[in-house]
Amino acid sequence: MAKYSLDVTGEICPYPLMLTRQKMGKLTVGDQLVVTVDYAKSAEDIPRWAKEEGHSVLAISEVGRTQWEIVLEKA
């Protein structure tokens, strides 16, 4: 298992989700991706998408006043 990071702060819909999908597509099963977002809708959309695709959402943490980290594990 490897751990990767993706910082999409400053991006608005649909780019954070699109970039997350692209990055997850390059990972192998069991790899983790930590996505940093500062757009509240993305903090909802990315975990929802991940669950729909069968990936695990390991954590969603507010790391700043308007910033979140979403930890995903590729299925």
N, C-alpha and C. Protein backbone atom coordinates (compact mmCIF):
# COMPACT_ATOMS: atom_id res chain seq x y z
N MET A 1 0.84 -1.18 0.00
CA MET A 1 0.00 0.00 0.00
C MET A 1 0.88 1.24 0.00
N ALA A 2 0.54 2.16 -0.87
CA ALA A 2 1.26 3.43 -0.93
C ALA A 2 0.28 4.54 -0.59
N LYS A 3 0.82 5.68 -0.15
CA LYS A 3 -0.02 6.81 0.21
C LYS A 3 0.36 8.00 -0.68
N TYR A 4 -0.64 8.61 -1.28
CA TYR A 4 -0.44 9.72 -2.20
C TYR A 4 -1.23 10.93 -1.73
N SER A 5 -0.85 12.10 -2.21
CA SER A 5 -1.54 13.34 -1.88
C SER A 5 -1.98 14.04 -3.15
N LEU A 6 -3.11 14.73 -3.05
CA LEU A 6 -3.62 15.54 -4.15
C LEU A 6 -4.18 16.81 -3.55
N ASP A 7 -3.60 17.94 -3.90
CA ASP A 7 -4.04 19.23 -3.39
C ASP A 7 -4.81 19.94 -4.49
N VAL A 8 -6.11 20.10 -4.28
CA VAL A 8 -6.95 20.78 -5.27
C VAL A 8 -7.53 22.08 -4.69
N THR A 9 -6.82 22.65 -3.72
CA THR A 9 -7.28 23.92 -3.17
C THR A 9 -7.23 24.98 -4.28
N GLY A 10 -8.22 25.86 -4.24
CA GLY A 10 -8.33 26.89 -5.25
C GLY A 10 -9.14 26.47 -6.47
N GLU A 11 -9.48 25.20 -6.56
CA GLU A 11 -10.28 24.69 -7.68
C GLU A 11 -11.75 24.61 -7.28
N ILE A 12 -12.64 24.87 -8.23
CA ILE A 12 -14.08 24.74 -7.97
C ILE A 12 -14.65 23.68 -8.89
N CYS A 13 -15.87 23.25 -8.59
CA CYS A 13 -16.55 22.20 -9.37
C CYS A 13 -16.48 22.51 -10.85
N PRO A 14 -16.25 21.51 -11.62
CA PRO A 14 -16.12 20.08 -11.30
C PRO A 14 -14.68 19.61 -11.14
N TYR A 15 -13.71 20.53 -11.14
CA TYR A 15 -12.30 20.13 -11.19
C TYR A 15 -11.80 19.29 -10.03
N PRO A 16 -12.14 19.58 -8.77
CA PRO A 16 -11.62 18.71 -7.70
C PRO A 16 -12.03 17.25 -7.88
N LEU A 17 -13.28 17.02 -8.26
CA LEU A 17 -13.74 15.65 -8.46
C LEU A 17 -13.07 15.03 -9.68
N MET A 18 -12.96 15.79 -10.76
CA MET A 18 -12.32 15.26 -11.97
C MET A 18 -10.87 14.87 -11.71
N LEU A 19 -10.14 15.73 -11.01
CA LEU A 19 -8.74 15.45 -10.71
C LEU A 19 -8.59 14.26 -9.76
N THR A 20 -9.52 14.15 -8.81
CA THR A 20 -9.51 13.01 -7.89
C THR A 20 -9.76 11.71 -8.65
N ARG A 21 -10.73 11.72 -9.55
CA ARG A 21 -11.03 10.53 -10.36
C ARG A 21 -9.82 10.11 -11.18
N GLN A 22 -9.15 11.09 -11.80
CA GLN A 22 -7.96 10.78 -12.60
C GLN A 22 -6.86 10.16 -11.75
N LYS A 23 -6.62 10.75 -10.59
CA LYS A 23 -5.55 10.25 -9.71
C LYS A 23 -5.89 8.85 -9.20
N MET A 24 -7.14 8.63 -8.78
CA MET A 24 -7.55 7.31 -8.27
C MET A 24 -7.41 6.25 -9.36
N GLY A 25 -7.64 6.65 -10.61
CA GLY A 25 -7.51 5.71 -11.73
C GLY A 25 -6.10 5.20 -11.92
N LYS A 26 -5.10 5.93 -11.44
CA LYS A 26 -3.70 5.54 -11.59
C LYS A 26 -3.18 4.72 -10.41
N LEU A 27 -3.96 4.63 -9.34
CA LEU A 27 -3.53 3.91 -8.15
C LEU A 27 -3.85 2.43 -8.25
N THR A 28 -3.20 1.64 -7.39
CA THR A 28 -3.52 0.22 -7.33
C THR A 28 -4.37 -0.05 -6.09
N VAL A 29 -5.03 -1.17 -6.09
CA VAL A 29 -5.92 -1.54 -4.99
C VAL A 29 -5.17 -1.47 -3.67
N GLY A 30 -5.78 -0.81 -2.67
CA GLY A 30 -5.18 -0.67 -1.35
C GLY A 30 -4.41 0.62 -1.16
N ASP A 31 -4.08 1.31 -2.25
CA ASP A 31 -3.40 2.59 -2.13
C ASP A 31 -4.34 3.63 -1.52
N GLN A 32 -3.77 4.57 -0.82
CA GLN A 32 -4.56 5.65 -0.20
C GLN A 32 -4.24 6.97 -0.87
N LEU A 33 -5.26 7.81 -0.97
CA LEU A 33 -5.11 9.14 -1.53
C LEU A 33 -5.68 10.15 -0.55
N VAL A 34 -4.85 11.12 -0.17
CA VAL A 34 -5.29 12.20 0.71
C VAL A 34 -5.56 13.41 -0.19
N VAL A 35 -6.83 13.81 -0.27
CA VAL A 35 -7.24 14.92 -1.11
C VAL A 35 -7.50 16.13 -0.22
N THR A 36 -6.85 17.24 -0.53
CA THR A 36 -7.04 18.48 0.21
C THR A 36 -7.88 19.42 -0.64
N VAL A 37 -9.02 19.86 -0.09
CA VAL A 37 -9.95 20.74 -0.80
C VAL A 37 -10.27 21.95 0.06
N ASP A 38 -10.67 23.03 -0.61
CA ASP A 38 -11.14 24.20 0.12
C ASP A 38 -12.49 24.67 -0.41
N TYR A 39 -13.15 23.81 -1.13
CA TYR A 39 -14.46 24.09 -1.71
C TYR A 39 -15.45 23.13 -1.04
N ALA A 40 -16.36 23.67 -0.25
CA ALA A 40 -17.25 22.84 0.59
C ALA A 40 -18.02 21.79 -0.20
N LYS A 41 -18.47 22.12 -1.38
CA LYS A 41 -19.23 21.15 -2.19
C LYS A 41 -18.36 19.94 -2.54
N SER A 42 -17.09 20.17 -2.78
CA SER A 42 -16.18 19.06 -3.09
C SER A 42 -15.99 18.15 -1.89
N ALA A 43 -16.03 18.72 -0.69
CA ALA A 43 -15.90 17.92 0.53
C ALA A 43 -17.08 16.97 0.69
N GLU A 44 -18.18 17.25 0.01
CA GLU A 44 -19.34 16.36 -0.01
C GLU A 44 -19.32 15.45 -1.24
N ASP A 45 -19.02 16.02 -2.40
CA ASP A 45 -19.09 15.28 -3.66
C ASP A 45 -18.04 14.18 -3.78
N ILE A 46 -16.82 14.45 -3.36
CA ILE A 46 -15.74 13.46 -3.52
C ILE A 46 -16.01 12.20 -2.69
N PRO A 47 -16.36 12.31 -1.40
CA PRO A 47 -16.68 11.07 -0.66
C PRO A 47 -17.88 10.33 -1.22
N ARG A 48 -18.90 11.06 -1.68
CA ARG A 48 -20.08 10.42 -2.26
C ARG A 48 -19.69 9.63 -3.51
N TRP A 49 -18.91 10.26 -4.39
CA TRP A 49 -18.44 9.58 -5.59
C TRP A 49 -17.63 8.33 -5.23
N ALA A 50 -16.71 8.48 -4.28
CA ALA A 50 -15.85 7.37 -3.90
C ALA A 50 -16.67 6.17 -3.42
N LYS A 51 -17.66 6.42 -2.59
CA LYS A 51 -18.51 5.33 -2.09
C LYS A 51 -19.27 4.68 -3.24
N GLU A 52 -19.80 5.49 -4.17
CA GLU A 52 -20.52 4.95 -5.32
C GLU A 52 -19.63 4.06 -6.18
N GLU A 53 -18.35 4.39 -6.24
CA GLU A 53 -17.39 3.60 -7.04
C GLU A 53 -16.85 2.40 -6.27
N GLY A 54 -17.20 2.28 -5.00
CA GLY A 54 -16.76 1.14 -4.20
C GLY A 54 -15.48 1.37 -3.41
N HIS A 55 -14.93 2.59 -3.49
CA HIS A 55 -13.74 2.91 -2.72
C HIS A 55 -14.12 3.18 -1.26
N SER A 56 -13.15 3.10 -0.38
CA SER A 56 -13.39 3.38 1.04
C SER A 56 -13.05 4.83 1.34
N VAL A 57 -13.90 5.45 2.15
CA VAL A 57 -13.63 6.78 2.66
C VAL A 57 -13.15 6.58 4.09
N LEU A 58 -11.86 6.73 4.31
CA LEU A 58 -11.28 6.45 5.62
C LEU A 58 -11.43 7.60 6.59
N ALA A 59 -11.44 8.83 6.08
CA ALA A 59 -11.56 9.99 6.97
C ALA A 59 -11.92 11.23 6.17
N ILE A 60 -12.65 12.11 6.83
CA ILE A 60 -12.90 13.46 6.32
C ILE A 60 -12.63 14.38 7.51
N SER A 61 -11.60 15.20 7.38
CA SER A 61 -11.19 16.05 8.49
C SER A 61 -11.16 17.51 8.06
N GLU A 62 -11.68 18.37 8.92
CA GLU A 62 -11.57 19.80 8.68
C GLU A 62 -10.21 20.22 9.23
N VAL A 63 -9.33 20.69 8.36
CA VAL A 63 -7.97 21.02 8.75
C VAL A 63 -7.72 22.52 8.79
N GLY A 64 -8.72 23.26 8.50
CA GLY A 64 -8.64 24.72 8.53
C GLY A 64 -10.05 25.27 8.52
N ARG A 65 -10.15 26.54 8.59
CA ARG A 65 -11.49 27.15 8.63
C ARG A 65 -12.31 26.78 7.40
N THR A 66 -11.66 26.72 6.26
CA THR A 66 -12.36 26.35 5.03
C THR A 66 -11.53 25.36 4.23
N GLN A 67 -10.95 24.38 4.91
CA GLN A 67 -10.14 23.39 4.23
C GLN A 67 -10.39 22.01 4.84
N TRP A 68 -10.46 21.00 3.97
CA TRP A 68 -10.73 19.64 4.41
C TRP A 68 -9.72 18.69 3.79
N GLU A 69 -9.46 17.59 4.50
CA GLU A 69 -8.67 16.48 3.97
C GLU A 69 -9.58 15.26 3.91
N ILE A 70 -9.60 14.64 2.78
CA ILE A 70 -10.41 13.44 2.55
C ILE A 70 -9.44 12.30 2.26
N VAL A 71 -9.51 11.24 3.04
CA VAL A 71 -8.61 10.10 2.86
C VAL A 71 -9.42 8.97 2.22
N LEU A 72 -8.99 8.58 1.03
CA LEU A 72 -9.66 7.53 0.27
C LEU A 72 -8.74 6.33 0.12
N GLU A 73 -9.34 5.14 0.03
CA GLU A 73 -8.57 3.94 -0.25
C GLU A 73 -9.17 3.28 -1.47
N LYS A 74 -8.31 3.01 -2.47
CA LYS A 74 -8.77 2.43 -3.73
C LYS A 74 -9.21 0.99 -3.52
N ALA A 75 -10.38 0.69 -4.08
CA ALA A 75 -10.93 -0.68 -4.01
C ALA A 75 -10.47 -1.48 -5.20
